[in-house]
Each structure stands twice: as structure tokens, then as C-alpha cells.
C-alpha atoms as a PDB file:
ATOM      1  CA  MET A   1      49.594  77.744 312.257  1.00  0.00           C
ATOM      2  CA  ILE A   2      47.164  74.752 311.980  1.00  0.00           C
ATOM      3  CA  ASP A   3      48.712  71.363 312.718  1.00  0.00           C
ATOM      4  CA  GLY A   4      49.104  68.830 310.064  1.00  0.00           C
ATOM      5  CA  LEU A   5      47.364  66.367 312.116  1.00  0.00           C
ATOM      6  CA  VAL A   6      44.245  68.776 312.479  1.00  0.00           C
ATOM      7  CA  LEU A   7      44.180  68.835 308.572  1.00  0.00           C
ATOM      8  CA  TYR A   8      43.952  65.088 308.404  1.00  0.00           C
ATOM      9  CA  TRP A   9      40.974  65.159 310.905  1.00  0.00           C
ATOM     10  CA  THR A  10      39.368  67.860 308.748  1.00  0.00           C
ATOM     11  CA  PHE A  11      39.524  66.061 305.748  1.00  0.00           C
ATOM     12  CA  ALA A  12      38.458  62.939 307.387  1.00  0.00           C
ATOM     13  CA  GLY A  13      35.365  64.682 308.356  1.00  0.00           C
ATOM     14  CA  LEU A  14      34.778  65.965 304.772  1.00  0.00           C
ATOM     15  CA  PHE A  15      35.148  62.342 303.359  1.00  0.00           C
ATOM     16  CA  GLY A  16      32.780  61.118 306.110  1.00  0.00           C
ATOM     17  CA  LEU A  17      30.435  63.718 304.873  1.00  0.00           C
ATOM     18  CA  ALA A  18      30.658  62.771 301.219  1.00  0.00           C
ATOM     19  CA  THR A  19      30.094  59.046 302.342  1.00  0.00           C
ATOM     20  CA  ILE A  20      26.876  60.131 303.873  1.00  0.00           C
ATOM     21  CA  GLY A  21      25.810  62.031 301.008  1.00  0.00           C
ATOM     22  CA  PHE A  22      26.624  59.295 298.421  1.00  0.00           C
ATOM     23  CA  LEU A  23      24.859  56.711 300.528  1.00  0.00           C
ATOM     24  CA  GLY A  24      21.805  58.927 300.969  1.00  0.00           C
ATOM     25  CA  TRP A  25      21.684  59.326 297.281  1.00  0.00           C
ATOM     26  CA  SER A  26      22.271  55.730 296.442  1.00  0.00           C
ATOM     27  CA  PHE A  27      19.250  54.630 298.361  1.00  0.00           C
ATOM     28  CA  GLN A  28      16.856  57.002 296.931  1.00  0.00           C
ATOM     29  CA  HIS A  29      17.349  55.346 293.387  1.00  0.00           C
ATOM     30  CA  PRO A  30      16.809  52.039 291.629  1.00  0.00           C
ATOM     31  CA  SER A  31      19.246  49.055 292.308  1.00  0.00           C
ATOM     32  CA  GLY A  32      20.772  49.377 288.902  1.00  0.00           C
ATOM     33  CA  ARG A  33      22.203  52.727 289.657  1.00  0.00           C
ATOM     34  CA  ARG A  34      22.729  52.008 293.535  1.00  0.00           C
ATOM     35  CA  ARG A  35      25.754  49.711 292.970  1.00  0.00           C
ATOM     36  CA  TYR A  36      27.729  52.559 291.509  1.00  0.00           C
ATOM     37  CA  GLY A  37      26.558  55.014 294.131  1.00  0.00           C
ATOM     38  CA  LEU A  38      27.771  52.485 296.953  1.00  0.00           C
ATOM     39  CA  ALA A  39      30.980  52.032 295.221  1.00  0.00           C
ATOM     40  CA  VAL A  40      31.657  55.923 295.279  1.00  0.00           C
ATOM     41  CA  ALA A  41      30.483  55.928 298.930  1.00  0.00           C
ATOM     42  CA  GLY A  42      32.866  53.001 299.823  1.00  0.00           C
ATOM     43  CA  ALA A  43      35.724  54.758 298.296  1.00  0.00           C
ATOM     44  CA  CYS A  44      35.127  58.109 300.161  1.00  0.00           C
ATOM     45  CA  LEU A  45      34.502  55.836 303.349  1.00  0.00           C
ATOM     46  CA  VAL A  46      37.966  54.257 302.880  1.00  0.00           C
ATOM     47  CA  MET A  47      39.763  57.642 302.465  1.00  0.00           C
ATOM     48  CA  ALA A  48      37.834  58.780 305.687  1.00  0.00           C
ATOM     49  CA  VAL A  49      39.416  55.910 307.573  1.00  0.00           C
ATOM     50  CA  ALA A  50      42.659  56.518 305.976  1.00  0.00           C
ATOM     51  CA  ASN A  51      42.726  60.047 307.007  1.00  0.00           C
ATOM     52  CA  THR A  52      41.513  59.189 310.515  1.00  0.00           C
ATOM     53  CA  MET A  53      44.565  56.753 310.708  1.00  0.00           C
ATOM     54  CA  MET A  54      46.881  59.551 309.631  1.00  0.00           C
ATOM     55  CA  ALA A  55      45.464  61.903 312.059  1.00  0.00           C
ATOM     56  CA  ASN A  56      46.246  59.342 314.810  1.00  0.00           C
ATOM     57  CA  GLU A  57      49.656  58.803 313.471  1.00  0.00           C
ATOM     58  CA  ILE A  58      48.712  55.058 312.873  1.00  0.00           C
ATOM     59  CA  LEU A  59      51.199  53.315 310.483  1.00  0.00           C
ATOM     60  CA  THR A  60      53.184  56.702 310.282  1.00  0.00           C
ATOM     61  CA  THR A  61      57.050  56.469 310.427  1.00  0.00           C
ATOM     62  CA  THR A  62      59.450  59.355 310.658  1.00  0.00           C
ATOM     63  CA  ALA A  63      63.071  59.600 309.151  1.00  0.00           C
ATOM     64  CA  ASP A  64      65.289  62.590 308.852  1.00  0.00           C
ATOM     65  CA  GLY A  65      62.513  64.703 310.572  1.00  0.00           C
ATOM     66  CA  ALA A  66      59.966  63.923 307.868  1.00  0.00           C
ATOM     67  CA  ALA A  67      56.639  61.999 308.617  1.00  0.00           C
ATOM     68  CA  TYR A  68      55.875  59.156 306.178  1.00  0.00           C
ATOM     69  CA  PRO A  69      52.039  58.406 306.613  1.00  0.00           C
ATOM     70  CA  HIS A  70      51.712  54.905 305.282  1.00  0.00           C
ATOM     71  CA  ALA A  71      47.991  54.485 306.006  1.00  0.00           C
ATOM     72  CA  ARG A  72      47.356  56.915 302.952  1.00  0.00           C
ATOM     73  CA  PHE A  73      48.141  54.116 300.636  1.00  0.00           C
ATOM     74  CA  LEU A  74      45.620  51.627 302.317  1.00  0.00           C
ATOM     75  CA  GLY A  75      43.042  54.161 301.266  1.00  0.00           C
ATOM     76  CA  TYR A  76      44.498  54.582 297.789  1.00  0.00           C
ATOM     77  CA  PHE A  77      44.627  51.119 296.831  1.00  0.00           C
ATOM     78  CA  VAL A  78      40.977  50.408 297.376  1.00  0.00           C
ATOM     79  CA  SER A  79      39.724  53.855 296.084  1.00  0.00           C
ATOM     80  CA  PHE A  80      41.901  53.780 293.124  1.00  0.00           C
ATOM     81  CA  THR A  81      40.570  50.354 292.274  1.00  0.00           C
ATOM     82  CA  VAL A  82      36.903  51.615 292.595  1.00  0.00           C
ATOM     83  CA  VAL A  83      37.818  54.623 290.169  1.00  0.00           C
ATOM     84  CA  SER A  84      39.457  52.479 287.760  1.00  0.00           C
ATOM     85  CA  TRP A  85      36.514  49.956 287.620  1.00  0.00           C
ATOM     86  CA  LEU A  86      34.124  52.739 287.016  1.00  0.00           C
ATOM     87  CA  LEU A  87      36.157  54.121 284.147  1.00  0.00           C
ATOM     88  CA  GLY A  88      36.305  50.588 282.515  1.00  0.00           C
ATOM     89  CA  ALA A  89      32.609  49.899 283.196  1.00  0.00           C
ATOM     90  CA  ILE A  90      31.292  53.141 281.748  1.00  0.00           C
ATOM     91  CA  ALA A  91      33.417  53.036 278.668  1.00  0.00           C
ATOM     92  CA  GLY A  92      32.371  49.380 278.146  1.00  0.00           C
ATOM     93  CA  ALA A  93      35.939  48.155 278.130  1.00  0.00           C
ATOM     94  CA  SER A  94      36.845  44.555 278.347  1.00  0.00           C
ATOM     95  CA  ARG A  95      37.768  42.709 281.520  1.00  0.00           C
ATOM     96  CA  ASN A  96      41.461  42.583 280.627  1.00  0.00           C
ATOM     97  CA  LEU A  97      41.533  46.346 279.726  1.00  0.00           C
ATOM     98  CA  THR A  98      39.884  47.157 282.956  1.00  0.00           C
ATOM     99  CA  VAL A  99      42.253  44.852 285.132  1.00  0.00           C
ATOM    100  CA  LEU A 100      45.149  46.258 283.405  1.00  0.00           C
ATOM    101  CA  LEU A 101      44.079  49.830 284.064  1.00  0.00           C
ATOM    102  CA  ILE A 102      43.408  48.804 287.724  1.00  0.00           C
ATOM    103  CA  LEU A 103      47.131  47.437 287.818  1.00  0.00           C
ATOM    104  CA  ALA A 104      48.663  50.563 286.150  1.00  0.00           C
ATOM    105  CA  VAL A 105      46.852  52.912 288.404  1.00  0.00           C
ATOM    106  CA  ASN A 106      47.601  51.147 291.695  1.00  0.00           C
ATOM    107  CA  ALA A 107      51.217  51.235 290.575  1.00  0.00           C
ATOM    108  CA  LEU A 108      51.461  54.817 291.111  1.00  0.00           C
ATOM    109  CA  PRO A 109      50.929  54.477 294.980  1.00  0.00           C
ATOM    110  CA  GLY A 110      52.785  50.991 295.141  1.00  0.00           C
ATOM    111  CA  SER A 111      55.766  52.786 293.591  1.00  0.00           C
ATOM    112  CA  VAL A 112      55.786  55.791 295.934  1.00  0.00           C
ATOM    113  CA  LEU A 113      55.373  53.312 298.809  1.00  0.00           C
ATOM    114  CA  ALA A 114      58.252  51.272 297.724  1.00  0.00           C
ATOM    115  CA  SER A 115      60.468  54.518 297.216  1.00  0.00           C
ATOM    116  CA  TRP A 116      59.790  55.264 300.954  1.00  0.00           C
ATOM    117  CA  ASN A 117      60.869  51.910 302.212  1.00  0.00           C
ATOM    118  CA  LEU A 118      63.414  50.518 299.929  1.00  0.00           C
ATOM    119  CA  PRO A 119      67.093  51.309 299.883  1.00  0.00           C
ATOM    120  CA  GLU A 120      69.135  52.902 297.186  1.00  0.00           C
ATOM    121  CA  PRO A 121      69.248  52.465 294.213  1.00  0.00           C
ATOM    122  CA  ALA A 122      65.958  50.376 294.461  1.00  0.00           C
ATOM    123  CA  ALA A 123      64.202  53.548 295.871  1.00  0.00           C
ATOM    124  CA  THR A 124      65.201  55.543 292.795  1.00  0.00           C
ATOM    125  CA  VAL A 125      64.134  52.876 290.319  1.00  0.00           C
ATOM    126  CA  ALA A 126      60.685  52.809 292.478  1.00  0.00           C
ATOM    127  CA  SER A 127      60.478  56.562 292.000  1.00  0.00           C
ATOM    128  CA  VAL A 128      60.960  56.423 288.329  1.00  0.00           C
ATOM    129  CA  LEU A 129      58.168  53.759 288.268  1.00  0.00           C
ATOM    130  CA  VAL A 130      55.783  56.193 289.646  1.00  0.00           C
ATOM    131  CA  PHE A 131      55.941  58.212 286.482  1.00  0.00           C
ATOM    132  CA  VAL A 132      55.997  55.164 284.191  1.00  0.00           C
ATOM    133  CA  SER A 133      52.756  53.822 285.726  1.00  0.00           C
ATOM    134  CA  ILE A 134      51.079  57.242 285.049  1.00  0.00           C
ATOM    135  CA  VAL A 135      52.004  56.992 281.380  1.00  0.00           C
ATOM    136  CA  ILE A 136      50.820  53.657 281.028  1.00  0.00           C
ATOM    137  CA  ALA A 137      47.393  54.662 282.764  1.00  0.00           C
ATOM    138  CA  ALA A 138      47.000  57.680 280.595  1.00  0.00           C
ATOM    139  CA  ALA A 139      47.842  55.700 277.407  1.00  0.00           C
ATOM    140  CA  LEU A 140      45.207  53.154 278.394  1.00  0.00           C
ATOM    141  CA  LEU A 141      42.578  55.916 279.046  1.00  0.00           C
ATOM    142  CA  VAL A 142      43.223  57.742 275.856  1.00  0.00           C
ATOM    143  CA  GLY A 143      43.870  54.781 273.741  1.00  0.00           C
ATOM    144  CA  PRO A 144      42.216  51.382 273.866  1.00  0.00           C
ATOM    145  CA  ILE A 145      39.619  52.212 276.640  1.00  0.00           C
ATOM    146  CA  ASP A 146      38.739  55.665 274.917  1.00  0.00           C
ATOM    147  CA  ARG A 147      38.233  53.522 271.608  1.00  0.00           C
ATOM    148  CA  ALA A 148      35.852  51.204 273.585  1.00  0.00           C
ATOM    149  CA  ALA A 149      33.858  54.249 274.744  1.00  0.00           C
ATOM    150  CA  THR A 150      32.949  55.224 271.059  1.00  0.00           C
ATOM    151  CA  ARG A 151      30.941  51.930 270.879  1.00  0.00           C
ATOM    152  CA  VAL A 152      28.630  52.857 273.998  1.00  0.00           C
ATOM    153  CA  SER A 153      25.807  55.403 274.149  1.00  0.00           C
ATOM    154  CA  GLY A 154      26.344  59.127 274.006  1.00  0.00           C
ATOM    155  CA  GLU A 155      25.698  59.576 277.519  1.00  0.00           C
ATOM    156  CA  ARG A 156      27.996  57.031 278.826  1.00  0.00           C
ATOM    157  CA  ARG A 157      30.543  58.457 276.435  1.00  0.00           C
ATOM    158  CA  LEU A 158      30.120  61.820 277.784  1.00  0.00           C
ATOM    159  CA  LEU A 159      30.555  60.853 281.312  1.00  0.00           C
ATOM    160  CA  TYR A 160      33.556  58.638 280.518  1.00  0.00           C
ATOM    161  CA  GLY A 161      35.223  61.672 278.997  1.00  0.00           C
ATOM    162  CA  LYS A 162      34.595  63.904 282.116  1.00  0.00           C
ATOM    163  CA  LEU A 163      35.904  61.045 284.517  1.00  0.00           C
ATOM    164  CA  ARG A 164      38.917  60.231 282.335  1.00  0.00           C
ATOM    165  CA  ASN A 165      40.027  64.061 282.302  1.00  0.00           C
ATOM    166  CA  LEU A 166      39.543  64.522 285.951  1.00  0.00           C
ATOM    167  CA  SER A 167      41.428  61.460 286.854  1.00  0.00           C
ATOM    168  CA  VAL A 168      44.291  61.870 284.533  1.00  0.00           C
ATOM    169  CA  THR A 169      44.743  65.511 285.722  1.00  0.00           C
ATOM    170  CA  VAL A 170      44.540  64.368 289.438  1.00  0.00           C
ATOM    171  CA  TRP A 171      47.075  61.638 288.930  1.00  0.00           C
ATOM    172  CA  ILE A 172      49.596  63.723 287.056  1.00  0.00           C
ATOM    173  CA  VAL A 173      49.502  66.548 289.765  1.00  0.00           C
ATOM    174  CA  LEU A 174      49.531  64.239 292.727  1.00  0.00           C
ATOM    175  CA  PRO A 175      52.996  62.731 292.032  1.00  0.00           C
ATOM    176  CA  ILE A 176      54.226  66.478 291.376  1.00  0.00           C
ATOM    177  CA  VAL A 177      53.309  67.382 294.805  1.00  0.00           C
ATOM    178  CA  GLY A 178      54.779  64.246 296.203  1.00  0.00           C
ATOM    179  CA  VAL A 179      58.124  65.266 294.503  1.00  0.00           C
ATOM    180  CA  MET A 180      57.775  68.686 296.141  1.00  0.00           C
ATOM    181  CA  SER A 181      56.877  67.367 299.690  1.00  0.00           C
ATOM    182  CA  GLU A 182      58.970  67.329 302.729  1.00  0.00           C
ATOM    183  CA  GLN A 183      59.554  63.678 302.009  1.00  0.00           C
ATOM    184  CA  ASN A 184      61.550  64.412 298.796  1.00  0.00           C
ATOM    185  CA  LEU A 185      62.712  67.759 297.789  1.00  0.00           C
ATOM    186  CA  ALA A 186      61.232  69.591 300.644  1.00  0.00           C
ATOM    187  CA  ILE A 187      59.958  72.442 298.603  1.00  0.00           C
ATOM    188  CA  LEU A 188      56.587  72.290 300.271  1.00  0.00           C
ATOM    189  CA  THR A 189      56.200  72.698 304.236  1.00  0.00           C
ATOM    190  CA  SER A 190      54.530  69.706 305.789  1.00  0.00           C
ATOM    191  CA  PHE A 191      51.277  71.623 306.123  1.00  0.00           C
ATOM    192  CA  ALA A 192      51.249  72.589 302.487  1.00  0.00           C
ATOM    193  CA  GLY A 193      52.141  69.194 301.384  1.00  0.00           C
ATOM    194  CA  ILE A 194      49.431  67.447 303.357  1.00  0.00           C
ATOM    195  CA  PHE A 195      46.834  70.099 302.294  1.00  0.00           C
ATOM    196  CA  MET A 196      47.566  69.919 298.637  1.00  0.00           C
ATOM    197  CA  GLY A 197      47.729  66.150 298.498  1.00  0.00           C
ATOM    198  CA  THR A 198      44.600  65.483 300.532  1.00  0.00           C
ATOM    199  CA  TYR A 199      42.746  68.135 298.607  1.00  0.00           C
ATOM    200  CA  LEU A 200      43.696  66.650 295.406  1.00  0.00           C
ATOM    201  CA  ASP A 201      42.334  63.400 296.925  1.00  0.00           C
ATOM    202  CA  LEU A 202      38.914  64.946 297.779  1.00  0.00           C
ATOM    203  CA  ILE A 203      38.647  66.391 294.532  1.00  0.00           C
ATOM    204  CA  LEU A 204      39.098  63.370 292.852  1.00  0.00           C
ATOM    205  CA  PHE A 205      36.745  61.028 294.685  1.00  0.00           C
ATOM    206  CA  VAL A 206      33.959  63.560 295.566  1.00  0.00           C
ATOM    207  CA  GLY A 207      34.232  64.746 291.796  1.00  0.00           C
ATOM    208  CA  VAL A 208      34.068  61.255 290.455  1.00  0.00           C
ATOM    209  CA  GLY A 209      31.109  60.461 292.636  1.00  0.00           C
ATOM    210  CA  ALA A 210      29.293  63.753 291.578  1.00  0.00           C
ATOM    211  CA  LEU A 211      29.942  63.001 288.080  1.00  0.00           C
ATOM    212  CA  VAL A 212      28.730  59.453 288.351  1.00  0.00           C
ATOM    213  CA  LEU A 213      25.567  60.285 290.352  1.00  0.00           C
ATOM    214  CA  ARG A 214      24.549  63.100 288.320  1.00  0.00           C
ATOM    215  CA  SER A 215      24.259  60.940 285.256  1.00  0.00           C
ATOM    216  CA  PRO A 216      21.279  58.716 285.820  1.00  0.00           C
ATOM    217  CA  THR A 217      20.743  58.060 282.034  1.00  0.00           C
ATOM    218  CA  ALA A 218      24.295  56.868 281.647  1.00  0.00           C
ATOM    219  CA  LEU A 219      23.852  54.697 284.960  1.00  0.00           C
ATOM    220  CA  ASP A 220      20.601  53.243 283.653  1.00  0.00           C
ATOM    221  CA  GLN A 221      22.275  52.096 280.193  1.00  0.00           C
ATOM    222  CA  LEU A 222      25.189  50.827 281.995  1.00  0.00           C
ATOM    223  CA  ALA A 223      22.839  48.775 284.273  1.00  0.00           C
ATOM    224  CA  GLY A 224      21.295  47.297 281.092  1.00  0.00           C
ATOM    225  CA  ARG A 225      17.884  48.985 281.789  1.00  0.00           C
ATOM    226  CA  ASP A 226      18.134  50.862 278.136  1.00  0.00           C
ATOM    227  CA  GLY A 227      18.719  49.011 275.014  1.00  0.00           C
ATOM    228  CA  ASN A 228      20.042  52.189 273.514  1.00  0.00           C
ATOM    229  CA  GLU A 229      23.562  50.814 272.910  1.00  0.00           C
ATOM    230  CA  ARG A 230      25.250  50.707 269.572  1.00  0.00           C
ATOM    231  CA  SER A 231      25.208  47.345 268.150  1.00  0.00           C
ATOM    232  CA  VAL A 232      28.168  45.221 268.449  1.00  0.00           C
ATOM    233  CA  SER A 233      30.179  44.312 265.201  1.00  0.00           C
ATOM    234  CA  PRO A 234      30.045  40.863 264.015  1.00  0.00           C
ATOM    235  CA  ASP A 235      33.729  40.367 264.279  1.00  0.00           C
ATOM    236  CA  ARG A 236      33.348  40.939 268.250  1.00  0.00           C
ATOM    237  CA  THR A 237      30.978  37.960 268.545  1.00  0.00           C
ATOM    238  CA  SER A 238      33.107  35.596 266.558  1.00  0.00           C
ATOM    239  CA  GLY A 239      35.890  34.702 268.990  1.00  0.00           C
ATOM    240  CA  ARG A 240      38.407  37.041 267.614  1.00  0.00           C
ATOM    241  CA  VAL A 241      40.947  38.700 269.905  1.00  0.00           C
ATOM    242  CA  ASP A 242      39.645  41.768 271.499  1.00  0.00           C
ATOM    243  CA  SER A 243      40.168  44.742 269.014  1.00  0.00           C
ATOM    244  CA  ASP A 244      40.801  47.021 271.830  1.00  0.00           C
ATOM    245  CA  PHE A 245      44.152  46.235 271.666  1.00  0.00           C
ATOM    246  CA  GLU A 246      44.239  46.869 267.984  1.00  0.00           C
ATOM    247  CA  ILE A 247      46.068  50.056 266.661  1.00  0.00           C
ATOM    248  CA  GLY A 248      43.944  52.620 265.016  1.00  0.00           C
ATOM    249  CA  SER A 249      40.632  54.484 265.585  1.00  0.00           C
ATOM    250  CA  ALA A 250      37.133  53.024 266.287  1.00  0.00           C
ATOM    251  CA  GLY A 251      36.083  53.797 262.794  1.00  0.00           C
ATOM    252  CA  ASP A 252      38.611  50.946 261.467  1.00  0.00           C
ATOM    253  CA  ASP A 253      36.617  48.225 263.431  1.00  0.00           C
END
């Protein structure tokens, strides 16, 4: 049977290839698009480094026969931030909304990390916070940030919808795999847990990169090179509190 550490090496190589591919794409395009390609490449690079660290058992601890690879979370905190920033930018969300999304999404790995290292009952509370953070992140993505996306161009709105659906799906499934892993209920073997968790990581970050880089028109509009944006309502330029936080559909603006 393939050793779990070999899996980490395999996925480190796949993330490395994705990094090279996204870098190559980025430098073939104008600077306005390049920053988004570089952001995606950076996320994949960090995950490649994290998997390399796990393959070498750096920052990995053991308890009750189960391995706890803490290096994974170094990758998550950086890469999840990149994905959240992209979602907010493409949707045209306010800075406050984007920061809230980044905090909510990073609360997911943060809560898992806390549940691994805190004594009871704090560990149980941290485990509950994992699912609370998912609910908050999903609510932001289908609520105020989604409403913000109705005010940008059709290409950006379409790209946001694809990225939102991919991200929410992976962020919901990841904790389920975590609960079934050897660190918790031990329903999955060490090999199965590593494979499923890291495969989901690959789907998320490579999927986000592929969707973003295959949407040049949306990136051009996001970079300000195309004036084909919807006009901003007068209320949004008069100093009112950002109506992204208002309850109701975008048509109420």
C-alpha cells in the first residue's frame, strides 16, 4: 500500500506543476490580468511547500497513534486568503465585506487547529466553530457579496458564481472528511483521509486558478480596462452606509 508520506510528495509535485503553469500563463498576458494569475500561482506554491513539509513530517505531531500535520494550516491560511480576496474583488464587494469573508474562511482551519491542540471542553467548542465559520462564510457569499455581484458586468458575475459554487462545495466537504479522518472518528484510514483531503485542496486551488485565468474579459473589466460596468447608484456615492449590509435584493437599491 502507498505510504501517506508518498501521497504528500505526489500532491506537492502536482501543486508545483500548477504553480509553474499559472506563472507561465500570467507572464503571457497584460499586467492587469497578471496580478490575478500571480495570486493563484502563489496560492498553489504555498500548498506545494505545505505538502513538502508534511511529506518530511515537519510540524507533524502524533497522539494516540494518529498524525497531526500542522503544516497544512500554514498553507490554508495563505491560500484561503487568496481565494477569499479573489471572490470579493471579482464580485465588487466592499473592503469590509471582503475582510469579513477572509476572517470567516480562515476561521475554518483556525478552529480545526485549535481543536487539535486545546484541552476539553475547549476542543469541542473549537470543533463546533468549524461549522459555524462555514455557515458564516456561505451566508456572506450567497448574501451581501452575491448582491454586490449583481452590480458588476455579466462576465464578472458569471465568474463569481462559478468560484462561489466551487469554494462553498469544497469548504463544506473538507470538514466532513476531517470528521471522518483518523484524528476524529477514524472512519477513514490515514491513507484515505490524506488522499481525500489533499485532493479537495487540489480541486479548489487549481479549479479556482483555471476558472480565473480562463476569464480574460472579466479580468480586464476587474482591472479597469473596460468601462462596461453598471453605473453606481447615487446613494452609493453620497456617504451612506454600504448597502451590501442591507436586507433585500439588489433590485431594492
